[in-house]
N, C-alpha and C. Protein backbone atom coordinates (compact mmCIF):
# COMPACT_ATOMS: atom_id res chain seq x y z
N MET A 1 -24.65 87.55 -25.38
CA MET A 1 -25.31 86.38 -24.86
C MET A 1 -26.18 86.77 -23.66
N TYR A 2 -25.62 87.53 -22.75
CA TYR A 2 -26.41 88.01 -21.62
C TYR A 2 -27.53 88.91 -22.13
N TRP A 3 -27.16 89.75 -23.11
CA TRP A 3 -28.16 90.66 -23.66
C TRP A 3 -29.22 89.91 -24.42
N SER A 4 -28.86 88.82 -25.08
CA SER A 4 -29.87 88.06 -25.82
C SER A 4 -30.87 87.42 -24.88
N ALA A 5 -30.42 86.94 -23.72
CA ALA A 5 -31.35 86.37 -22.74
C ALA A 5 -32.27 87.45 -22.19
N THR A 6 -31.72 88.64 -21.96
CA THR A 6 -32.53 89.76 -21.48
C THR A 6 -33.54 90.18 -22.54
N LYS A 7 -33.09 90.23 -23.78
CA LYS A 7 -33.96 90.61 -24.88
C LYS A 7 -35.09 89.60 -25.07
N ARG A 8 -34.75 88.32 -24.97
CA ARG A 8 -35.75 87.26 -25.10
C ARG A 8 -36.84 87.40 -24.04
N TYR A 9 -36.41 87.62 -22.79
CA TYR A 9 -37.37 87.79 -21.70
C TYR A 9 -38.24 89.02 -21.96
N SER A 10 -37.62 90.11 -22.39
CA SER A 10 -38.36 91.35 -22.65
C SER A 10 -39.39 91.17 -23.75
N ARG A 11 -39.02 90.50 -24.82
CA ARG A 11 -39.96 90.28 -25.92
C ARG A 11 -41.14 89.42 -25.49
N ASN A 12 -40.88 88.43 -24.66
CA ASN A 12 -41.95 87.53 -24.23
C ASN A 12 -42.87 88.15 -23.18
N ASN A 13 -42.42 89.19 -22.49
CA ASN A 13 -43.20 89.74 -21.38
C ASN A 13 -43.55 91.21 -21.52
N CYS A 14 -43.43 91.76 -22.70
CA CYS A 14 -43.69 93.19 -22.91
C CYS A 14 -44.98 93.37 -23.70
N ASN A 15 -45.70 94.44 -23.41
CA ASN A 15 -46.91 94.74 -24.18
C ASN A 15 -46.62 95.71 -25.33
N TYR A 16 -45.35 95.97 -25.60
CA TYR A 16 -44.87 96.77 -26.72
C TYR A 16 -45.34 98.22 -26.67
N THR A 17 -45.39 98.77 -25.46
CA THR A 17 -45.57 100.20 -25.28
C THR A 17 -44.32 100.72 -24.59
N TRP A 18 -44.10 102.02 -24.67
CA TRP A 18 -42.92 102.60 -24.03
C TRP A 18 -42.95 102.36 -22.53
N ASN A 19 -44.10 102.59 -21.91
CA ASN A 19 -44.20 102.38 -20.46
C ASN A 19 -44.01 100.91 -20.10
N GLY A 20 -44.57 100.03 -20.91
CA GLY A 20 -44.40 98.60 -20.66
C GLY A 20 -42.94 98.18 -20.76
N LEU A 21 -42.25 98.74 -21.74
CA LEU A 21 -40.83 98.44 -21.92
C LEU A 21 -40.01 98.96 -20.73
N GLN A 22 -40.33 100.15 -20.26
CA GLN A 22 -39.61 100.70 -19.12
C GLN A 22 -39.81 99.86 -17.87
N GLN A 23 -40.95 99.21 -17.76
CA GLN A 23 -41.21 98.37 -16.59
C GLN A 23 -40.55 97.01 -16.71
N VAL A 24 -40.51 96.45 -17.92
CA VAL A 24 -40.04 95.07 -18.07
C VAL A 24 -38.51 94.96 -18.17
N VAL A 25 -37.83 95.99 -18.64
CA VAL A 25 -36.37 95.89 -18.82
C VAL A 25 -35.62 95.67 -17.50
N PRO A 26 -35.90 96.42 -16.44
CA PRO A 26 -35.19 96.12 -15.18
C PRO A 26 -35.47 94.71 -14.66
N VAL A 27 -36.70 94.25 -14.85
CA VAL A 27 -37.04 92.89 -14.43
C VAL A 27 -36.28 91.88 -15.28
N ALA A 28 -36.19 92.15 -16.58
CA ALA A 28 -35.48 91.25 -17.49
C ALA A 28 -33.99 91.16 -17.14
N LEU A 29 -33.40 92.28 -16.77
CA LEU A 29 -31.98 92.28 -16.39
C LEU A 29 -31.76 91.45 -15.13
N ASP A 30 -32.71 91.49 -14.21
CA ASP A 30 -32.60 90.70 -12.98
C ASP A 30 -32.98 89.24 -13.19
N HIS A 31 -33.69 88.96 -14.27
CA HIS A 31 -34.20 87.61 -14.51
C HIS A 31 -33.10 86.62 -14.90
N VAL A 32 -32.05 87.09 -15.55
CA VAL A 32 -30.97 86.22 -15.98
C VAL A 32 -30.18 85.79 -14.75
N SER A 33 -30.07 84.49 -14.56
CA SER A 33 -29.42 83.97 -13.35
C SER A 33 -27.90 84.14 -13.41
N LEU A 34 -27.31 84.09 -12.25
CA LEU A 34 -25.85 84.20 -12.15
C LEU A 34 -25.17 83.04 -12.87
N LEU A 35 -25.77 81.86 -12.82
CA LEU A 35 -25.20 80.70 -13.52
C LEU A 35 -25.18 80.92 -15.03
N GLU A 36 -26.25 81.52 -15.57
CA GLU A 36 -26.28 81.82 -17.01
C GLU A 36 -25.23 82.86 -17.37
N ILE A 37 -25.10 83.88 -16.55
CA ILE A 37 -24.11 84.93 -16.81
C ILE A 37 -22.71 84.34 -16.82
N ARG A 38 -22.43 83.46 -15.85
CA ARG A 38 -21.11 82.83 -15.80
C ARG A 38 -20.87 81.92 -17.00
N ALA A 39 -21.90 81.21 -17.44
CA ALA A 39 -21.77 80.35 -18.62
C ALA A 39 -21.48 81.18 -19.86
N PHE A 40 -22.18 82.33 -20.00
CA PHE A 40 -21.92 83.22 -21.12
C PHE A 40 -20.49 83.75 -21.07
N ALA A 41 -20.02 84.09 -19.89
CA ALA A 41 -18.66 84.62 -19.73
C ALA A 41 -17.63 83.56 -20.10
N ARG A 42 -17.85 82.31 -19.65
CA ARG A 42 -16.90 81.23 -19.97
C ARG A 42 -16.81 81.03 -21.48
N LYS A 43 -17.96 81.04 -22.15
CA LYS A 43 -17.96 80.84 -23.60
C LYS A 43 -17.23 82.00 -24.30
N SER A 44 -17.46 83.22 -23.83
CA SER A 44 -16.77 84.38 -24.40
C SER A 44 -15.27 84.28 -24.21
N PHE A 45 -14.84 83.84 -23.03
CA PHE A 45 -13.41 83.68 -22.77
C PHE A 45 -12.81 82.61 -23.68
N ARG A 46 -13.56 81.55 -23.95
CA ARG A 46 -13.06 80.50 -24.86
C ARG A 46 -12.86 81.06 -26.26
N TYR A 47 -13.80 81.88 -26.72
CA TYR A 47 -13.65 82.51 -28.04
C TYR A 47 -12.44 83.45 -28.05
N MET A 48 -12.29 84.25 -27.02
CA MET A 48 -11.15 85.17 -26.97
C MET A 48 -9.84 84.41 -26.99
N ASP A 49 -9.78 83.30 -26.25
CA ASP A 49 -8.57 82.49 -26.21
C ASP A 49 -8.27 81.87 -27.58
N ALA A 50 -9.32 81.40 -28.25
CA ALA A 50 -9.13 80.79 -29.57
C ALA A 50 -8.60 81.82 -30.57
N TYR A 51 -9.17 83.02 -30.57
CA TYR A 51 -8.71 84.05 -31.50
C TYR A 51 -7.31 84.55 -31.12
N ARG A 52 -7.01 84.58 -29.83
CA ARG A 52 -5.68 84.98 -29.37
C ARG A 52 -4.62 84.00 -29.88
N LYS A 53 -5.01 82.73 -30.02
CA LYS A 53 -4.09 81.70 -30.51
C LYS A 53 -3.97 81.70 -32.03
N GLY A 54 -4.72 82.58 -32.70
CA GLY A 54 -4.60 82.72 -34.14
C GLY A 54 -5.51 81.82 -34.95
N LEU A 55 -6.52 81.24 -34.33
CA LEU A 55 -7.43 80.36 -35.06
C LEU A 55 -8.38 81.18 -35.92
N ASN A 56 -8.79 80.60 -37.05
CA ASN A 56 -9.78 81.28 -37.87
C ASN A 56 -11.18 80.98 -37.32
N VAL A 57 -12.21 81.47 -37.98
CA VAL A 57 -13.58 81.35 -37.46
C VAL A 57 -14.00 79.90 -37.29
N LYS A 58 -13.80 79.09 -38.31
CA LYS A 58 -14.20 77.67 -38.24
C LYS A 58 -13.46 76.94 -37.13
N GLN A 59 -12.16 77.17 -37.04
CA GLN A 59 -11.36 76.52 -36.02
C GLN A 59 -11.77 76.98 -34.62
N ALA A 60 -12.07 78.26 -34.49
CA ALA A 60 -12.49 78.79 -33.19
C ALA A 60 -13.83 78.19 -32.77
N GLU A 61 -14.76 78.07 -33.70
CA GLU A 61 -16.06 77.48 -33.37
C GLU A 61 -15.90 76.03 -32.94
N TYR A 62 -15.01 75.30 -33.61
CA TYR A 62 -14.77 73.91 -33.23
C TYR A 62 -14.12 73.83 -31.85
N ALA A 63 -13.18 74.73 -31.58
CA ALA A 63 -12.48 74.72 -30.29
C ALA A 63 -13.41 75.12 -29.14
N VAL A 64 -14.36 75.99 -29.40
CA VAL A 64 -15.26 76.49 -28.36
C VAL A 64 -16.42 75.53 -28.11
N LYS A 65 -16.73 74.73 -29.11
CA LYS A 65 -17.87 73.82 -28.98
C LYS A 65 -17.74 72.99 -27.71
N LYS A 66 -18.82 72.94 -26.95
CA LYS A 66 -18.79 72.26 -25.66
C LYS A 66 -18.71 70.75 -25.86
N TYR A 67 -17.82 70.13 -25.12
CA TYR A 67 -17.68 68.68 -25.13
C TYR A 67 -18.84 68.09 -24.35
N LYS A 68 -19.67 67.26 -24.99
CA LYS A 68 -20.89 66.79 -24.35
C LYS A 68 -20.90 65.31 -24.00
N ARG A 69 -20.12 64.51 -24.69
CA ARG A 69 -20.19 63.07 -24.39
C ARG A 69 -18.87 62.39 -24.71
N HIS A 70 -18.69 61.27 -24.13
CA HIS A 70 -17.51 60.48 -24.42
C HIS A 70 -17.94 59.24 -25.21
N ARG A 71 -17.00 58.50 -25.67
CA ARG A 71 -17.23 57.28 -26.45
C ARG A 71 -17.91 57.53 -27.80
N VAL A 72 -17.82 58.74 -28.29
CA VAL A 72 -18.40 59.05 -29.58
C VAL A 72 -17.34 59.76 -30.41
N ILE A 73 -17.17 59.29 -31.61
CA ILE A 73 -16.25 59.95 -32.54
C ILE A 73 -17.09 60.81 -33.45
N ALA A 74 -16.86 62.10 -33.39
CA ALA A 74 -17.68 63.03 -34.18
C ALA A 74 -16.90 63.58 -35.34
């Protein structure tokens, strides 16, 4: 997840040369905010906890899915 954000930034800001890539990768690594890194870590921990409890893939995805609203039966 952290790497995907870094990769996304690199793809959007690179001129696709070796030198361009060497310049943009350190910037891309610094571009991902601490809040994003923590959010990625929390989601990873939720997946690890779900698999530790013996859930299968579908159950783990349901358990990890972020609760977004109340008063709605989904």
